[in-house]
Protein backbone atom coordinates (compact mmCIF):
# COMPACT_ATOMS: atom_id res chain seq x y z
CA MET A 1 19.57 -11.38 -89.38
CA GLY A 2 18.25 -14.38 -87.58
CA GLU A 3 14.71 -15.05 -86.13
CA VAL A 4 14.99 -14.41 -82.04
CA LYS A 5 13.38 -17.42 -80.52
CA SER A 6 11.04 -17.35 -77.47
CA SER A 7 12.23 -18.56 -74.27
CA TRP A 8 10.22 -21.32 -72.70
CA ALA A 9 9.09 -19.11 -69.60
CA SER A 10 7.24 -16.90 -71.91
CA GLU A 11 5.87 -19.97 -73.81
CA ILE A 12 4.69 -21.24 -70.23
CA GLU A 13 2.63 -17.90 -69.75
CA ILE A 14 0.63 -18.78 -73.23
CA GLU A 15 -0.54 -22.00 -72.41
CA GLU A 16 -3.91 -22.84 -71.61
CA ASP A 17 -3.33 -25.59 -69.26
CA ASP A 18 -1.05 -23.64 -67.06
CA ALA A 19 -3.84 -21.01 -66.11
CA PRO A 20 -4.83 -20.59 -62.53
CA SER A 21 -7.66 -22.89 -61.69
CA GLU A 22 -10.14 -23.36 -58.55
CA THR A 23 -11.86 -26.52 -57.78
CA ILE A 24 -14.68 -26.79 -55.04
CA ASP A 25 -15.19 -29.90 -53.22
CA GLY A 26 -17.93 -29.66 -50.49
CA ASN A 27 -16.65 -27.11 -48.18
CA THR A 28 -13.11 -27.26 -49.45
CA LYS A 29 -11.53 -25.10 -52.27
CA VAL A 30 -8.10 -25.77 -53.87
CA VAL A 31 -6.37 -23.15 -56.05
CA THR A 32 -3.60 -23.82 -58.15
CA ASP A 33 -1.20 -21.40 -59.75
CA PHE A 34 2.21 -21.48 -61.96
CA PHE A 35 4.70 -19.30 -61.85
CA VAL A 36 8.30 -18.54 -62.86
CA ASN A 37 10.88 -18.10 -59.85
CA GLU A 38 14.06 -16.05 -59.65
CA ASP A 39 15.82 -19.14 -61.19
CA GLU A 40 13.85 -19.43 -64.14
CA LYS A 41 11.99 -22.43 -63.41
CA LYS A 42 8.35 -23.10 -63.48
CA VAL A 43 6.78 -23.87 -59.73
CA LYS A 44 3.47 -24.98 -58.82
CA TRP A 45 1.68 -23.37 -56.50
CA ILE A 46 -1.33 -25.09 -54.63
CA ARG A 47 -3.80 -23.30 -51.87
CA THR A 48 -6.32 -25.03 -49.89
CA TYR A 49 -8.89 -23.30 -48.22
CA LYS A 50 -11.84 -24.61 -46.27
CA ILE A 51 -15.12 -22.72 -46.85
CA GLU A 52 -17.09 -21.62 -43.69
CA LYS A 53 -20.60 -19.86 -43.53
CA LYS A 54 -20.67 -17.04 -40.65
CA ILE A 55 -23.66 -15.00 -39.70
CA VAL A 56 -22.35 -11.54 -39.40
CA SER A 57 -24.30 -8.34 -39.31
CA LYS A 58 -26.19 -6.58 -42.52
CA ALA A 59 -23.69 -3.90 -42.63
CA ILE A 60 -20.80 -6.09 -43.18
CA ALA A 61 -22.81 -8.38 -45.82
CA ARG A 62 -23.51 -5.31 -47.74
CA ARG A 63 -19.94 -4.22 -47.51
CA LYS A 64 -18.62 -7.61 -48.70
CA GLY A 65 -21.16 -7.38 -51.92
CA LEU A 66 -19.76 -3.79 -52.95
CA ALA A 67 -18.24 -4.31 -56.60
CA LYS A 68 -14.75 -3.32 -56.73
CA PHE A 69 -13.46 -0.32 -58.76
CA GLY A 70 -10.22 1.38 -60.13
CA ASP A 71 -7.00 -0.59 -59.74
CA CYS A 72 -8.75 -3.32 -58.01
CA LEU A 73 -11.54 -3.96 -60.77
CA LYS A 74 -9.90 -7.49 -61.90
CA ASP A 75 -8.97 -8.50 -58.46
CA ARG A 76 -10.38 -11.38 -57.05
CA PRO A 77 -13.36 -11.46 -54.35
CA GLY A 78 -12.20 -10.85 -50.84
CA PRO A 79 -9.78 -8.29 -49.45
CA ASP A 80 -5.94 -7.73 -51.16
CA PRO A 81 -3.05 -7.20 -49.02
CA ALA A 82 -1.82 -4.74 -51.75
CA THR A 83 -4.53 -2.54 -51.33
CA THR A 84 -6.34 -3.48 -48.43
CA GLN A 85 -5.14 -2.92 -44.66
CA LEU A 86 -6.79 -5.22 -42.31
CA HIS A 87 -6.03 -3.95 -39.05
CA GLU A 88 -5.56 -0.56 -37.52
CA GLU A 89 -2.11 1.15 -37.59
CA VAL A 90 -0.55 1.09 -33.77
CA THR A 91 2.22 3.42 -32.91
CA MET A 92 4.82 2.37 -30.00
CA GLN A 93 7.27 4.36 -28.51
CA TYR A 94 9.90 2.53 -26.43
CA ILE A 95 11.87 4.27 -23.75
CA SER A 96 15.19 3.92 -23.58
CA SER A 97 17.51 3.05 -20.54
CA LYS A 98 18.97 6.63 -20.62
CA GLU A 99 15.57 7.94 -19.71
CA GLU A 100 14.81 5.34 -17.27
CA ASN A 101 18.04 6.21 -15.47
CA GLU A 102 17.22 10.10 -15.49
CA LYS A 103 13.88 8.86 -14.02
CA ASP A 104 15.59 6.86 -11.36
CA SER A 105 18.04 9.80 -10.44
CA ASN A 106 14.93 12.20 -10.26
CA ASP A 107 13.22 9.52 -7.86
CA THR A 108 16.39 9.63 -5.40
CA GLU A 109 16.73 13.11 -5.65
CA LEU A 110 13.04 13.65 -4.46
CA ASP A 111 13.32 10.72 -1.54
CA LYS A 112 16.56 12.73 -0.39
CA LEU A 113 14.44 15.94 -0.08
CA LYS A 114 11.66 14.09 1.77
CA LYS A 115 14.04 12.56 4.35
CA MET A 116 15.62 16.21 4.59
CA ASN A 117 12.16 17.78 5.51
CA LYS A 118 11.17 14.96 7.78
CA GLY A 119 13.00 15.99 10.85
CA MET A 120 12.83 19.64 9.65
CA ILE A 121 8.86 19.54 10.34
CA LYS A 122 7.36 18.20 13.69
CA CYS A 123 3.53 18.59 14.54
CA ARG A 124 3.08 20.06 18.40
CA ILE A 125 0.20 17.61 18.76
CA CYS A 126 0.89 13.99 17.57
CA LYS A 127 4.90 14.80 17.11
CA GLU A 128 4.57 13.28 13.70
CA ASP A 129 6.25 14.77 10.78
CA HIS A 130 3.52 17.32 9.19
CA TRP A 131 2.43 20.87 10.06
CA THR A 132 0.23 21.24 13.18
CA THR A 133 -2.33 22.75 11.12
CA ASN A 134 -2.77 19.77 9.05
CA CYS A 135 -2.86 17.52 12.22
CA PRO A 136 -5.63 14.83 11.54
CA TYR A 137 -5.83 14.73 15.78
CA LYS A 138 -6.33 18.64 15.75
CA ASP A 139 -9.87 18.64 16.99
CA THR A 140 -9.65 15.63 19.46
CA LEU A 141 -6.02 15.83 21.04
CA GLY A 142 -5.78 19.60 20.70
CA PRO A 143 -8.33 20.69 23.54
CA LEU A 144 -6.93 17.71 25.97
CA ARG A 145 -3.30 18.99 25.79
CA GLU A 146 -4.35 22.37 26.56
CA SER A 147 -6.11 21.21 29.36
CA LEU A 148 -3.44 18.94 30.80
CA SER A 149 -0.74 21.91 30.22
CA ALA A 150 -3.27 24.26 32.42
CA GLY A 151 -3.50 21.52 35.03
CA LYS A 152 0.46 20.96 34.97
CA GLU A 153 1.01 24.77 35.44
CA ASP A 154 -1.27 24.79 38.58
CA GLU A 155 0.86 21.75 39.98
CA ASP A 156 4.20 22.99 39.58
CA PRO A 157 3.96 25.70 42.55
CA GLU A 158 3.39 22.76 44.81
CA LYS A 159 6.28 20.86 43.49
CA SER A 160 8.72 23.70 43.92
CA GLU A 161 7.68 24.08 47.58
CA SER A 162 8.23 20.55 48.38
CA PRO A 163 11.37 19.78 50.11
CA THR A 164 14.66 18.49 47.91
CA PRO A 165 15.35 14.63 48.70
CA ALA A 166 18.40 14.01 50.68
CA PRO A 167 21.65 12.30 48.79
CA ASN A 168 21.67 8.62 48.71
CA ALA A 169 24.62 7.73 51.62
CA GLY A 170 25.00 4.29 50.49
CA SER A 171 27.29 5.10 47.60
CA SER A 172 29.76 6.68 50.14
CA ALA A 173 31.70 4.61 52.56
CA PRO A 174 30.31 4.70 56.34
CA SER A 175 32.71 5.16 59.02
CA SER A 176 33.41 2.25 61.23
CA ARG A 177 31.63 3.96 64.27
CA ALA A 178 28.42 5.05 61.99
CA TYR A 179 25.21 3.11 62.13
CA VAL A 180 24.17 1.87 58.65
CA PRO A 181 20.63 0.64 58.58
CA PRO A 182 19.74 -2.85 56.62
CA SER A 183 18.58 -1.01 53.44
CA ARG A 184 21.69 0.37 52.72
CA ARG A 185 24.25 -2.30 53.54
CA GLU A 186 25.88 -4.33 50.91
CA GLY A 187 23.88 -6.99 49.23
CA ALA A 188 20.63 -5.16 50.10
CA ARG A 189 20.30 -3.40 46.71
CA ASP A 190 18.90 -6.66 44.80
CA ARG A 191 16.28 -7.24 47.53
CA ILE A 192 15.05 -3.75 47.19
CA ILE A 193 14.69 -3.91 43.60
CA GLY A 194 12.73 -7.05 43.83
CA ASP A 195 10.46 -5.52 46.37
CA SER A 196 10.35 -2.17 44.26
CA MET A 197 9.29 -4.63 41.30
CA SER A 198 6.07 -6.29 42.90
CA ASP A 199 5.32 -3.01 44.40
CA ARG A 200 5.78 -1.50 41.37
CA ARG A 201 3.37 -4.20 39.39
CA ARG A 202 0.89 -3.71 42.35
CA ASN A 203 0.65 -0.16 41.87
CA GLU A 204 -0.24 -0.68 37.86
CA ASP A 205 -2.88 -3.13 38.72
CA ASN A 206 -4.42 -0.29 41.05
CA ALA A 207 -3.89 2.13 38.61
CA ALA A 208 -5.49 0.06 35.73
CA ILE A 209 -8.88 1.59 34.06
CA ARG A 210 -10.91 0.00 31.20
CA VAL A 211 -12.02 1.85 27.87
CA SER A 212 -14.98 0.35 26.20
CA ASN A 213 -17.09 1.35 23.08
CA LEU A 214 -13.98 1.49 20.57
CA SER A 215 -14.16 1.34 16.75
CA GLU A 216 -13.47 -2.13 15.00
CA ASN A 217 -10.57 0.09 13.13
CA THR A 218 -8.77 1.37 16.51
CA GLN A 219 -5.17 0.24 16.81
CA GLU A 220 -3.11 0.22 19.90
CA SER A 221 -0.89 3.23 18.81
CA ASP A 222 -4.55 4.96 18.76
CA VAL A 223 -5.06 3.99 22.37
CA GLN A 224 -1.57 5.05 23.52
CA GLU A 225 -2.31 8.33 21.63
CA LEU A 226 -5.40 8.99 23.61
CA PHE A 227 -4.26 8.32 27.27
CA LYS A 228 -0.55 9.34 26.80
CA PRO A 229 -1.26 12.87 27.50
CA PHE A 230 -2.91 12.19 31.22
CA GLY A 231 0.88 10.52 32.27
CA ALA A 232 3.68 7.69 31.89
CA ILE A 233 1.87 4.36 30.71
CA ALA A 234 3.14 0.88 31.92
CA ARG A 235 1.54 -1.29 29.39
CA ILE A 236 -1.69 -1.51 27.08
CA PHE A 237 -3.92 -4.38 26.16
CA LEU A 238 -6.00 -3.84 23.16
CA ALA A 239 -8.41 -6.80 22.76
CA LYS A 240 -8.72 -8.13 19.35
CA ASP A 241 -10.43 -10.61 17.09
CA LYS A 242 -8.26 -13.91 16.63
CA GLN A 243 -9.63 -14.24 12.93
CA THR A 244 -9.99 -10.80 11.80
CA GLY A 245 -7.51 -8.94 13.82
CA GLN A 246 -9.94 -6.23 14.28
CA CYS A 247 -10.56 -4.42 17.62
CA LYS A 248 -13.31 -5.87 19.86
CA GLY A 249 -14.36 -2.75 21.12
CA PHE A 250 -12.39 -2.48 24.58
CA ALA A 251 -8.97 -1.94 25.75
CA PHE A 252 -7.05 -1.62 29.19
CA ILE A 253 -4.58 0.81 30.09
CA HIS A 254 -2.24 0.70 33.16
CA TYR A 255 -0.71 3.63 34.40
CA TYR A 256 2.29 4.07 36.91
CA LYS A 257 0.32 6.50 39.33
CA LYS A 258 -3.52 6.27 40.60
CA GLU A 259 -3.95 10.12 39.74
CA GLU A 260 -2.74 9.92 36.41
CA ALA A 261 -5.40 7.30 35.78
CA ALA A 262 -8.13 8.70 37.79
CA LYS A 263 -7.40 12.11 35.50
CA ALA A 264 -8.17 10.48 32.16
CA ILE A 265 -11.18 8.82 33.63
CA ALA A 266 -12.66 12.32 34.52
CA THR A 267 -11.56 13.50 31.24
CA LEU A 268 -12.31 10.58 28.42
CA ASN A 269 -15.81 9.23 30.07
CA GLY A 270 -18.17 10.01 27.77
CA TYR A 271 -15.90 11.92 25.39
CA GLY A 272 -16.47 11.26 21.31
CA TYR A 273 -13.85 9.56 19.46
CA ASP A 274 -14.15 8.08 16.28
CA TYR A 275 -17.83 8.93 16.07
CA LEU A 276 -18.56 6.74 19.13
CA ILE A 277 -18.93 7.85 23.22
CA LEU A 278 -16.40 6.61 24.90
CA SER A 279 -17.04 4.73 28.34
CA VAL A 280 -13.87 4.98 30.71
CA GLU A 281 -13.99 3.14 34.23
CA TRP A 282 -11.98 1.58 36.75
CA ALA A 283 -10.93 -2.09 35.61
CA LYS A 284 -11.93 -4.53 38.09
CA PRO A 285 -9.11 -6.77 39.72
CA THR A 286 -8.03 -9.78 38.33
CA GLY A 287 -10.16 -12.84 39.71
CA THR A 288 -13.31 -10.78 40.56
C-alpha cells in the first residue's frame, strides 16, 4: 500500500511564514491572515485598523482589562462577535394590512353612530348636541332664558287681545268704481320695499347697543349666544385686533326693535360673564 501524500493545503497550515502577523506603525495597525477558501485556494487577508485613545469611565476601563475565560481564553483582546453581543435585542411587531382594514372599518362604524346620535340629543339652553345637564352655559344662560320665558308669558295675553290685521286688498283685483290708494296701486310695491328698507336700517341704528369689558377670547358666536334670547338680532360687530385677531373688548349689537335692546341692557348691564363684569349701554349715533 502506497504512502498517502499530504495536500498542499495542509502544508500551508504548517508553514510558519503564513502565520497571522500584526504590524503597528504609529496609530495604524495592520493584521495579515492566510486561509484557504472553498475552491481550495490560498487567500491573503489584510486588515488595517486605526488606533485611537478615548477617555472612558473607570467601570468601562476596568471591564476591558478583565481576563477572558472558558472558550474565549485564547481569543484576542476585544469583543468577539461569536460570543459577545454588542447591542440590545429589539423585538418589533409589524401590523398587517388586514388589521389596519379592520381598524378603519371600526372607525367608520363609530363615526356613523356619532352622526346618528348627533340629531337625537339637543340641549334646551344652547341648542347643541349634548345633554342639558352637561351644558357649559347652564349657569349663565339658563337663568336668563327662564326670566325671558316668564316675561313672554306675561305679554301673551296682551297680544291675544290685539285686533287681527285686515287682509291685504292689493292682491285682489279692484272694481272699476272702487277707489284704490296709491300705496296699493301697481308699481307701488317696489317703492314700499325701498322705503321699508331705509326705515328698517334707521330702526336698527336706533336699537343699537354697545357691550364692553369682554375678554380677549370672546368670539362673535359667544356674543350672539348671549344677546339672542332678548330678540331677533339684525347684525353684530365684534371689534378685533388686525394682527392677533383677538377681541378688543367691545362689540355692537343691532336689534330690530328698540324694546328688545332696552331689555338686553336692563338684564346684562353689570352681568358677570367669563370672570368679567359686562357694561351694556346704548350705542352713540354715527358722527357724534
